[in-house]
Amino acid sequence: MLAFFRSNKFLSLASNGSSAVLGLVRFGLTARLLEPTEFGVWAFFLMFYSLFDMLRTGLLSNVVVKKWSETDSLDQQKNIMGATWQLAG
């Protein structure tokens, strides 16, 4: 049982779970502390930010996986990764 708690699978699960719980707590505190109009503006901003972040991440990751798998040259792989970092930034 102790080996399970030290495994990478458990650490990944614990990391994702704690991140989700802390995000929920932060969202709840924000909803509790802000006025309703301020919270509405915050939720609207958060919705658009999340949408564009998902689009950016999804488009970049699909292109990187496709292009990376098609190339055999180390120089081309470095160029792909450099372009990905520039676009992600």
PDB file of N, CA and C in Angstrom:
ATOM      1  N   MET A   1       0.820  -1.196   0.000  1.00  0.00           N
ATOM      2  CA  MET A   1       0.000   0.000   0.000  1.00  0.00           C
ATOM      3  C   MET A   1       0.863   1.259   0.000  1.00  0.00           C
ATOM      4  N   LEU A   2       1.974   1.200   0.710  1.00  0.00           N
ATOM      5  CA  LEU A   2       2.868   2.351   0.763  1.00  0.00           C
ATOM      6  C   LEU A   2       3.488   2.635  -0.597  1.00  0.00           C
ATOM      7  N   ALA A   3       3.729   1.588  -1.365  1.00  0.00           N
ATOM      8  CA  ALA A   3       4.289   1.775  -2.706  1.00  0.00           C
ATOM      9  C   ALA A   3       3.309   2.519  -3.604  1.00  0.00           C
ATOM     10  N   PHE A   4       2.008   2.301  -3.395  1.00  0.00           N
ATOM     11  CA  PHE A   4       1.001   3.008  -4.194  1.00  0.00           C
ATOM     12  C   PHE A   4       1.052   4.505  -3.934  1.00  0.00           C
ATOM     13  N   PHE A   5       1.205   4.910  -2.669  1.00  0.00           N
ATOM     14  CA  PHE A   5       1.242   6.329  -2.337  1.00  0.00           C
ATOM     15  C   PHE A   5       2.511   7.010  -2.831  1.00  0.00           C
ATOM     16  N   ARG A   6       3.541   6.258  -3.101  1.00  0.00           N
ATOM     17  CA  ARG A   6       4.785   6.818  -3.615  1.00  0.00           C
ATOM     18  C   ARG A   6       4.877   6.753  -5.138  1.00  0.00           C
ATOM     19  N   SER A   7       3.902   6.148  -5.766  1.00  0.00           N
ATOM     20  CA  SER A   7       3.960   5.978  -7.218  1.00  0.00           C
ATOM     21  C   SER A   7       3.619   7.289  -7.936  1.00  0.00           C
ATOM     22  N   ASN A   8       4.067   7.381  -9.174  1.00  0.00           N
ATOM     23  CA  ASN A   8       3.795   8.567  -9.974  1.00  0.00           C
ATOM     24  C   ASN A   8       2.307   8.715 -10.282  1.00  0.00           C
ATOM     25  N   LYS A   9       1.604   7.595 -10.390  1.00  0.00           N
ATOM     26  CA  LYS A   9       0.165   7.647 -10.665  1.00  0.00           C
ATOM     27  C   LYS A   9      -0.584   8.327  -9.528  1.00  0.00           C
ATOM     28  N   PHE A  10      -0.257   7.961  -8.297  1.00  0.00           N
ATOM     29  CA  PHE A  10      -0.923   8.581  -7.151  1.00  0.00           C
ATOM     30  C   PHE A  10      -0.558  10.049  -7.039  1.00  0.00           C
ATOM     31  N   LEU A  11       0.704  10.381  -7.253  1.00  0.00           N
ATOM     32  CA  LEU A  11       1.118  11.779  -7.164  1.00  0.00           C
ATOM     33  C   LEU A  11       0.423  12.630  -8.223  1.00  0.00           C
ATOM     34  N   SER A  12       0.254  12.080  -9.422  1.00  0.00           N
ATOM     35  CA  SER A  12      -0.464  12.800 -10.465  1.00  0.00           C
ATOM     36  C   SER A  12      -1.926  12.988 -10.086  1.00  0.00           C
ATOM     37  N   LEU A  13      -2.541  11.939  -9.571  1.00  0.00           N
ATOM     38  CA  LEU A  13      -3.932  12.022  -9.141  1.00  0.00           C
ATOM     39  C   LEU A  13      -4.094  13.031  -8.008  1.00  0.00           C
ATOM     40  N   ALA A  14      -3.206  12.994  -7.035  1.00  0.00           N
ATOM     41  CA  ALA A  14      -3.274  13.926  -5.914  1.00  0.00           C
ATOM     42  C   ALA A  14      -3.063  15.362  -6.383  1.00  0.00           C
ATOM     43  N   SER A  15      -2.161  15.560  -7.316  1.00  0.00           N
ATOM     44  CA  SER A  15      -1.918  16.894  -7.842  1.00  0.00           C
ATOM     45  C   SER A  15      -3.140  17.436  -8.568  1.00  0.00           C
ATOM     46  N   ASN A  16      -3.730  16.622  -9.435  1.00  0.00           N
ATOM     47  CA  ASN A  16      -4.925  17.063 -10.153  1.00  0.00           C
ATOM     48  C   ASN A  16      -6.104  17.281  -9.211  1.00  0.00           C
ATOM     49  N   GLY A  17      -6.257  16.395  -8.249  1.00  0.00           N
ATOM     50  CA  GLY A  17      -7.358  16.533  -7.292  1.00  0.00           C
ATOM     51  C   GLY A  17      -7.220  17.764  -6.423  1.00  0.00           C
ATOM     52  N   SER A  18      -6.025  18.017  -5.916  1.00  0.00           N
ATOM     53  CA  SER A  18      -5.826  19.198  -5.077  1.00  0.00           C
ATOM     54  C   SER A  18      -5.972  20.477  -5.887  1.00  0.00           C
ATOM     55  N   SER A  19      -5.562  20.454  -7.132  1.00  0.00           N
ATOM     56  CA  SER A  19      -5.737  21.622  -7.988  1.00  0.00           C
ATOM     57  C   SER A  19      -7.217  21.908  -8.212  1.00  0.00           C
ATOM     58  N   ALA A  20      -8.010  20.872  -8.436  1.00  0.00           N
ATOM     59  CA  ALA A  20      -9.444  21.052  -8.629  1.00  0.00           C
ATOM     60  C   ALA A  20     -10.115  21.576  -7.363  1.00  0.00           C
ATOM     61  N   VAL A  21      -9.741  21.032  -6.215  1.00  0.00           N
ATOM     62  CA  VAL A  21     -10.338  21.472  -4.950  1.00  0.00           C
ATOM     63  C   VAL A  21      -9.965  22.918  -4.653  1.00  0.00           C
ATOM     64  N   LEU A  22      -8.707  23.268  -4.837  1.00  0.00           N
ATOM     65  CA  LEU A  22      -8.289  24.649  -4.580  1.00  0.00           C
ATOM     66  C   LEU A  22      -8.949  25.626  -5.553  1.00  0.00           C
ATOM     67  N   GLY A  23      -9.138  25.221  -6.793  1.00  0.00           N
ATOM     68  CA  GLY A  23      -9.837  26.066  -7.753  1.00  0.00           C
ATOM     69  C   GLY A  23     -11.281  26.291  -7.355  1.00  0.00           C
ATOM     70  N   LEU A  24     -11.937  25.250  -6.866  1.00  0.00           N
ATOM     71  CA  LEU A  24     -13.321  25.372  -6.408  1.00  0.00           C
ATOM     72  C   LEU A  24     -13.410  26.283  -5.185  1.00  0.00           C
ATOM     73  N   VAL A  25     -12.482  26.141  -4.251  1.00  0.00           N
ATOM     74  CA  VAL A  25     -12.452  26.993  -3.061  1.00  0.00           C
ATOM     75  C   VAL A  25     -12.214  28.454  -3.453  1.00  0.00           C
ATOM     76  N   ARG A  26     -11.267  28.667  -4.366  1.00  0.00           N
ATOM     77  CA  ARG A  26     -10.983  30.032  -4.815  1.00  0.00           C
ATOM     78  C   ARG A  26     -12.193  30.648  -5.502  1.00  0.00           C
ATOM     79  N   PHE A  27     -12.877  29.878  -6.328  1.00  0.00           N
ATOM     80  CA  PHE A  27     -14.072  30.377  -7.007  1.00  0.00           C
ATOM     81  C   PHE A  27     -15.174  30.696  -5.996  1.00  0.00           C
ATOM     82  N   GLY A  28     -15.336  29.843  -5.008  1.00  0.00           N
ATOM     83  CA  GLY A  28     -16.339  30.097  -3.975  1.00  0.00           C
ATOM     84  C   GLY A  28     -16.036  31.333  -3.159  1.00  0.00           C
ATOM     85  N   LEU A  29     -14.780  31.512  -2.791  1.00  0.00           N
ATOM     86  CA  LEU A  29     -14.408  32.723  -2.051  1.00  0.00           C
ATOM     87  C   LEU A  29     -14.602  33.976  -2.890  1.00  0.00           C
ATOM     88  N   THR A  30     -14.277  33.885  -4.164  1.00  0.00           N
ATOM     89  CA  THR A  30     -14.480  35.031  -5.054  1.00  0.00           C
ATOM     90  C   THR A  30     -15.968  35.363  -5.159  1.00  0.00           C
ATOM     91  N   ALA A  31     -16.808  34.356  -5.295  1.00  0.00           N
ATOM     92  CA  ALA A  31     -18.251  34.577  -5.381  1.00  0.00           C
ATOM     93  C   ALA A  31     -18.788  35.161  -4.079  1.00  0.00           C
ATOM     94  N   ARG A  32     -18.205  34.753  -2.975  1.00  0.00           N
ATOM     95  CA  ARG A  32     -18.685  35.227  -1.673  1.00  0.00           C
ATOM     96  C   ARG A  32     -18.241  36.654  -1.377  1.00  0.00           C
ATOM     97  N   LEU A  33     -17.047  37.023  -1.801  1.00  0.00           N
ATOM     98  CA  LEU A  33     -16.483  38.320  -1.418  1.00  0.00           C
ATOM     99  C   LEU A  33     -16.846  39.458  -2.371  1.00  0.00           C
ATOM    100  N   LEU A  34     -17.145  39.159  -3.620  1.00  0.00           N
ATOM    101  CA  LEU A  34     -17.452  40.215  -4.578  1.00  0.00           C
ATOM    102  C   LEU A  34     -18.939  40.541  -4.585  1.00  0.00           C
ATOM    103  N   GLU A  35     -19.235  41.778  -4.968  1.00  0.00           N
ATOM    104  CA  GLU A  35     -20.629  42.173  -5.181  1.00  0.00           C
ATOM    105  C   GLU A  35     -21.172  41.408  -6.383  1.00  0.00           C
ATOM    106  N   PRO A  36     -22.485  41.251  -6.488  1.00  0.00           N
ATOM    107  CA  PRO A  36     -23.039  40.485  -7.616  1.00  0.00           C
ATOM    108  C   PRO A  36     -22.663  41.038  -8.992  1.00  0.00           C
ATOM    109  N   THR A  37     -22.626  42.358  -9.151  1.00  0.00           N
ATOM    110  CA  THR A  37     -22.250  42.906 -10.463  1.00  0.00           C
ATOM    111  C   THR A  37     -20.770  42.680 -10.745  1.00  0.00           C
ATOM    112  N   GLU A  38     -19.931  42.840  -9.727  1.00  0.00           N
ATOM    113  CA  GLU A  38     -18.500  42.588  -9.911  1.00  0.00           C
ATOM    114  C   GLU A  38     -18.242  41.124 -10.207  1.00  0.00           C
ATOM    115  N   PHE A  39     -18.966  40.238  -9.533  1.00  0.00           N
ATOM    116  CA  PHE A  39     -18.799  38.806  -9.782  1.00  0.00           C
ATOM    117  C   PHE A  39     -19.269  38.450 -11.195  1.00  0.00           C
ATOM    118  N   GLY A  40     -20.320  39.111 -11.680  1.00  0.00           N
ATOM    119  CA  GLY A  40     -20.784  38.878 -13.046  1.00  0.00           C
ATOM    120  C   GLY A  40     -19.728  39.262 -14.069  1.00  0.00           C
ATOM    121  N   VAL A  41     -19.079  40.396 -13.849  1.00  0.00           N
ATOM    122  CA  VAL A  41     -18.001  40.825 -14.745  1.00  0.00           C
ATOM    123  C   VAL A  41     -16.844  39.828 -14.678  1.00  0.00           C
ATOM    124  N   TRP A  42     -16.501  39.370 -13.482  1.00  0.00           N
ATOM    125  CA  TRP A  42     -15.424  38.405 -13.310  1.00  0.00           C
ATOM    126  C   TRP A  42     -15.756  37.085 -14.008  1.00  0.00           C
ATOM    127  N   ALA A  43     -16.987  36.616 -13.855  1.00  0.00           N
ATOM    128  CA  ALA A  43     -17.389  35.358 -14.479  1.00  0.00           C
ATOM    129  C   ALA A  43     -17.378  35.488 -16.002  1.00  0.00           C
ATOM    130  N   PHE A  44     -17.802  36.644 -16.513  1.00  0.00           N
ATOM    131  CA  PHE A  44     -17.787  36.887 -17.958  1.00  0.00           C
ATOM    132  C   PHE A  44     -16.356  36.867 -18.494  1.00  0.00           C
ATOM    133  N   PHE A  45     -15.452  37.546 -17.783  1.00  0.00           N
ATOM    134  CA  PHE A  45     -14.042  37.542 -18.165  1.00  0.00           C
ATOM    135  C   PHE A  45     -13.465  36.127 -18.117  1.00  0.00           C
ATOM    136  N   LEU A  46     -13.776  35.401 -17.061  1.00  0.00           N
ATOM    137  CA  LEU A  46     -13.262  34.051 -16.888  1.00  0.00           C
ATOM    138  C   LEU A  46     -13.754  33.128 -17.995  1.00  0.00           C
ATOM    139  N   MET A  47     -15.005  33.319 -18.430  1.00  0.00           N
ATOM    140  CA  MET A  47     -15.564  32.495 -19.495  1.00  0.00           C
ATOM    141  C   MET A  47     -14.801  32.715 -20.803  1.00  0.00           C
ATOM    142  N   PHE A  48     -14.576  33.976 -21.172  1.00  0.00           N
ATOM    143  CA  PHE A  48     -13.868  34.246 -22.421  1.00  0.00           C
ATOM    144  C   PHE A  48     -12.396  33.857 -22.341  1.00  0.00           C
ATOM    145  N   TYR A  49     -11.781  34.097 -21.204  1.00  0.00           N
ATOM    146  CA  TYR A  49     -10.379  33.704 -21.040  1.00  0.00           C
ATOM    147  C   TYR A  49     -10.218  32.195 -21.186  1.00  0.00           C
ATOM    148  N   SER A  50     -11.105  31.444 -20.534  1.00  0.00           N
ATOM    149  CA  SER A  50     -11.030  29.986 -20.607  1.00  0.00           C
ATOM    150  C   SER A  50     -11.281  29.485 -22.022  1.00  0.00           C
ATOM    151  N   LEU A  51     -12.235  30.083 -22.715  1.00  0.00           N
ATOM    152  CA  LEU A  51     -12.537  29.679 -24.082  1.00  0.00           C
ATOM    153  C   LEU A  51     -11.333  29.885 -24.998  1.00  0.00           C
ATOM    154  N   PHE A  52     -10.739  31.060 -24.950  1.00  0.00           N
ATOM    155  CA  PHE A  52      -9.593  31.336 -25.816  1.00  0.00           C
ATOM    156  C   PHE A  52      -8.363  30.526 -25.409  1.00  0.00           C
ATOM    157  N   ASP A  53      -8.195  30.267 -24.125  1.00  0.00           N
ATOM    158  CA  ASP A  53      -7.073  29.450 -23.684  1.00  0.00           C
ATOM    159  C   ASP A  53      -7.230  28.004 -24.162  1.00  0.00           C
ATOM    160  N   MET A  54      -8.452  27.483 -24.111  1.00  0.00           N
ATOM    161  CA  MET A  54      -8.681  26.121 -24.612  1.00  0.00           C
ATOM    162  C   MET A  54      -8.452  26.047 -26.117  1.00  0.00           C
ATOM    163  N   LEU A  55      -8.898  27.059 -26.853  1.00  0.00           N
ATOM    164  CA  LEU A  55      -8.674  27.077 -28.299  1.00  0.00           C
ATOM    165  C   LEU A  55      -7.185  27.130 -28.622  1.00  0.00           C
ATOM    166  N   ARG A  56      -6.470  28.012 -27.941  1.00  0.00           N
ATOM    167  CA  ARG A  56      -5.030  28.160 -28.182  1.00  0.00           C
ATOM    168  C   ARG A  56      -4.300  26.867 -27.866  1.00  0.00           C
ATOM    169  N   THR A  57      -4.582  26.302 -26.720  1.00  0.00           N
ATOM    170  CA  THR A  57      -3.901  25.075 -26.306  1.00  0.00           C
ATOM    171  C   THR A  57      -4.241  23.911 -27.225  1.00  0.00           C
ATOM    172  N   GLY A  58      -5.508  23.758 -27.562  1.00  0.00           N
ATOM    173  CA  GLY A  58      -5.919  22.665 -28.425  1.00  0.00           C
ATOM    174  C   GLY A  58      -5.336  22.758 -29.817  1.00  0.00           C
ATOM    175  N   LEU A  59      -5.365  23.961 -30.379  1.00  0.00           N
ATOM    176  CA  LEU A  59      -4.814  24.129 -31.720  1.00  0.00           C
ATOM    177  C   LEU A  59      -3.311  23.911 -31.743  1.00  0.00           C
ATOM    178  N   LEU A  60      -2.620  24.421 -30.752  1.00  0.00           N
ATOM    179  CA  LEU A  60      -1.167  24.241 -30.708  1.00  0.00           C
ATOM    180  C   LEU A  60      -0.788  22.781 -30.506  1.00  0.00           C
ATOM    181  N   SER A  61      -1.454  22.108 -29.586  1.00  0.00           N
ATOM    182  CA  SER A  61      -1.049  20.732 -29.302  1.00  0.00           C
ATOM    183  C   SER A  61      -1.329  19.811 -30.487  1.00  0.00           C
ATOM    184  N   ASN A  62      -2.442  20.002 -31.171  1.00  0.00           N
ATOM    185  CA  ASN A  62      -2.728  19.162 -32.338  1.00  0.00           C
ATOM    186  C   ASN A  62      -1.695  19.371 -33.439  1.00  0.00           C
ATOM    187  N   VAL A  63      -1.344  20.604 -33.698  1.00  0.00           N
ATOM    188  CA  VAL A  63      -0.368  20.898 -34.751  1.00  0.00           C
ATOM    189  C   VAL A  63       1.011  20.365 -34.370  1.00  0.00           C
ATOM    190  N   VAL A  64       1.401  20.535 -33.124  1.00  0.00           N
ATOM    191  CA  VAL A  64       2.720  20.065 -32.693  1.00  0.00           C
ATOM    192  C   VAL A  64       2.821  18.551 -32.817  1.00  0.00           C
ATOM    193  N   VAL A  65       1.801  17.839 -32.369  1.00  0.00           N
ATOM    194  CA  VAL A  65       1.841  16.380 -32.457  1.00  0.00           C
ATOM    195  C   VAL A  65       1.895  15.941 -33.914  1.00  0.00           C
ATOM    196  N   LYS A  66       1.107  16.558 -34.776  1.00  0.00           N
ATOM    197  CA  LYS A  66       1.077  16.178 -36.191  1.00  0.00           C
ATOM    198  C   LYS A  66       2.426  16.455 -36.856  1.00  0.00           C
ATOM    199  N   LYS A  67       2.916  17.662 -36.702  1.00  0.00           N
ATOM    200  CA  LYS A  67       4.178  18.032 -37.358  1.00  0.00           C
ATOM    201  C   LYS A  67       5.367  17.274 -36.768  1.00  0.00           C
ATOM    202  N   TRP A  68       5.368  17.094 -35.452  1.00  0.00           N
ATOM    203  CA  TRP A  68       6.476  16.395 -34.795  1.00  0.00           C
ATOM    204  C   TRP A  68       6.559  14.951 -35.277  1.00  0.00           C
ATOM    205  N   SER A  69       5.394  14.308 -35.440  1.00  0.00           N
ATOM    206  CA  SER A  69       5.402  12.913 -35.861  1.00  0.00           C
ATOM    207  C   SER A  69       5.772  12.755 -37.334  1.00  0.00           C
ATOM    208  N   GLU A  70       5.586  13.793 -38.128  1.00  0.00           N
ATOM    209  CA  GLU A  70       5.902  13.707 -39.553  1.00  0.00           C
ATOM    210  C   GLU A  70       7.376  13.920 -39.860  1.00  0.00           C
ATOM    211  N   THR A  71       8.117  14.542 -38.968  1.00  0.00           N
ATOM    212  CA  THR A  71       9.501  14.900 -39.265  1.00  0.00           C
ATOM    213  C   THR A  71      10.482  13.902 -38.636  1.00  0.00           C
ATOM    214  N   ASP A  72      11.599  13.731 -39.317  1.00  0.00           N
ATOM    215  CA  ASP A  72      12.663  12.868 -38.813  1.00  0.00           C
ATOM    216  C   ASP A  72      13.913  13.662 -38.441  1.00  0.00           C
ATOM    217  N   SER A  73      14.001  14.880 -38.912  1.00  0.00           N
ATOM    218  CA  SER A  73      15.187  15.697 -38.720  1.00  0.00           C
ATOM    219  C   SER A  73      15.160  16.371 -37.344  1.00  0.00           C
ATOM    220  N   LEU A  74      16.295  16.339 -36.664  1.00  0.00           N
ATOM    221  CA  LEU A  74      16.407  16.987 -35.365  1.00  0.00           C
ATOM    222  C   LEU A  74      16.290  18.502 -35.498  1.00  0.00           C
ATOM    223  N   ASP A  75      16.818  19.067 -36.583  1.00  0.00           N
ATOM    224  CA  ASP A  75      16.714  20.509 -36.792  1.00  0.00           C
ATOM    225  C   ASP A  75      15.262  20.945 -36.988  1.00  0.00           C
ATOM    226  N   GLN A  76      14.505  20.168 -37.735  1.00  0.00           N
ATOM    227  CA  GLN A  76      13.091  20.500 -37.925  1.00  0.00           C
ATOM    228  C   GLN A  76      12.321  20.376 -36.611  1.00  0.00           C
ATOM    229  N   GLN A  77      12.658  19.384 -35.801  1.00  0.00           N
ATOM    230  CA  GLN A  77      11.997  19.243 -34.508  1.00  0.00           C
ATOM    231  C   GLN A  77      12.296  20.443 -33.608  1.00  0.00           C
ATOM    232  N   LYS A  78      13.538  20.921 -33.645  1.00  0.00           N
ATOM    233  CA  LYS A  78      13.885  22.109 -32.861  1.00  0.00           C
ATOM    234  C   LYS A  78      13.131  23.331 -33.363  1.00  0.00           C
ATOM    235  N   ASN A  79      12.998  23.455 -34.690  1.00  0.00           N
ATOM    236  CA  ASN A  79      12.238  24.572 -35.249  1.00  0.00           C
ATOM    237  C   ASN A  79      10.771  24.515 -34.842  1.00  0.00           C
ATOM    238  N   ILE A  80      10.209  23.318 -34.849  1.00  0.00           N
ATOM    239  CA  ILE A  80       8.809  23.163 -34.454  1.00  0.00           C
ATOM    240  C   ILE A  80       8.623  23.554 -32.991  1.00  0.00           C
ATOM    241  N   MET A  81       9.519  23.098 -32.133  1.00  0.00           N
ATOM    242  CA  MET A  81       9.386  23.435 -30.719  1.00  0.00           C
ATOM    243  C   MET A  81       9.603  24.921 -30.466  1.00  0.00           C
ATOM    244  N   GLY A  82      10.518  25.525 -31.176  1.00  0.00           N
ATOM    245  CA  GLY A  82      10.737  26.970 -31.029  1.00  0.00           C
ATOM    246  C   GLY A  82       9.527  27.761 -31.467  1.00  0.00           C
ATOM    247  N   ALA A  83       8.932  27.372 -32.577  1.00  0.00           N
ATOM    248  CA  ALA A  83       7.725  28.062 -33.068  1.00  0.00           C
ATOM    249  C   ALA A  83       6.568  27.855 -32.104  1.00  0.00           C
ATOM    250  N   THR A  84       6.475  26.670 -31.511  1.00  0.00           N
ATOM    251  CA  THR A  84       5.403  26.407 -30.559  1.00  0.00           C
ATOM    252  C   THR A  84       5.546  27.284 -29.326  1.00  0.00           C
ATOM    253  N   TRP A  85       6.759  27.413 -28.824  1.00  0.00           N
ATOM    254  CA  TRP A  85       6.974  28.285 -27.651  1.00  0.00           C
ATOM    255  C   TRP A  85       6.659  29.737 -27.983  1.00  0.00           C
ATOM    256  N   GLN A  86       7.002  30.184 -29.180  1.00  0.00           N
ATOM    257  CA  GLN A  86       6.693  31.568 -29.565  1.00  0.00           C
ATOM    258  C   GLN A  86       5.197  31.792 -29.651  1.00  0.00           C
ATOM    259  N   LEU A  87       4.487  30.859 -30.273  1.00  0.00           N
ATOM    260  CA  LEU A  87       3.039  31.009 -30.391  1.00  0.00           C
ATOM    261  C   LEU A  87       2.331  30.871 -29.049  1.00  0.00           C
ATOM    262  N   ALA A  88       2.828  29.994 -28.200  1.00  0.00           N
ATOM    263  CA  ALA A  88       2.211  29.815 -26.888  1.00  0.00           C
ATOM    264  C   ALA A  88       2.399  31.047 -26.014  1.00  0.00           C
ATOM    265  N   GLY A  89       3.527  31.716 -26.187  1.00  0.00           N
ATOM    266  CA  GLY A  89       3.793  32.923 -25.390  1.00  0.00           C
ATOM    267  C   GLY A  89       2.957  34.071 -25.823  1.00  0.00           C
TER     268      GLY A  89
END
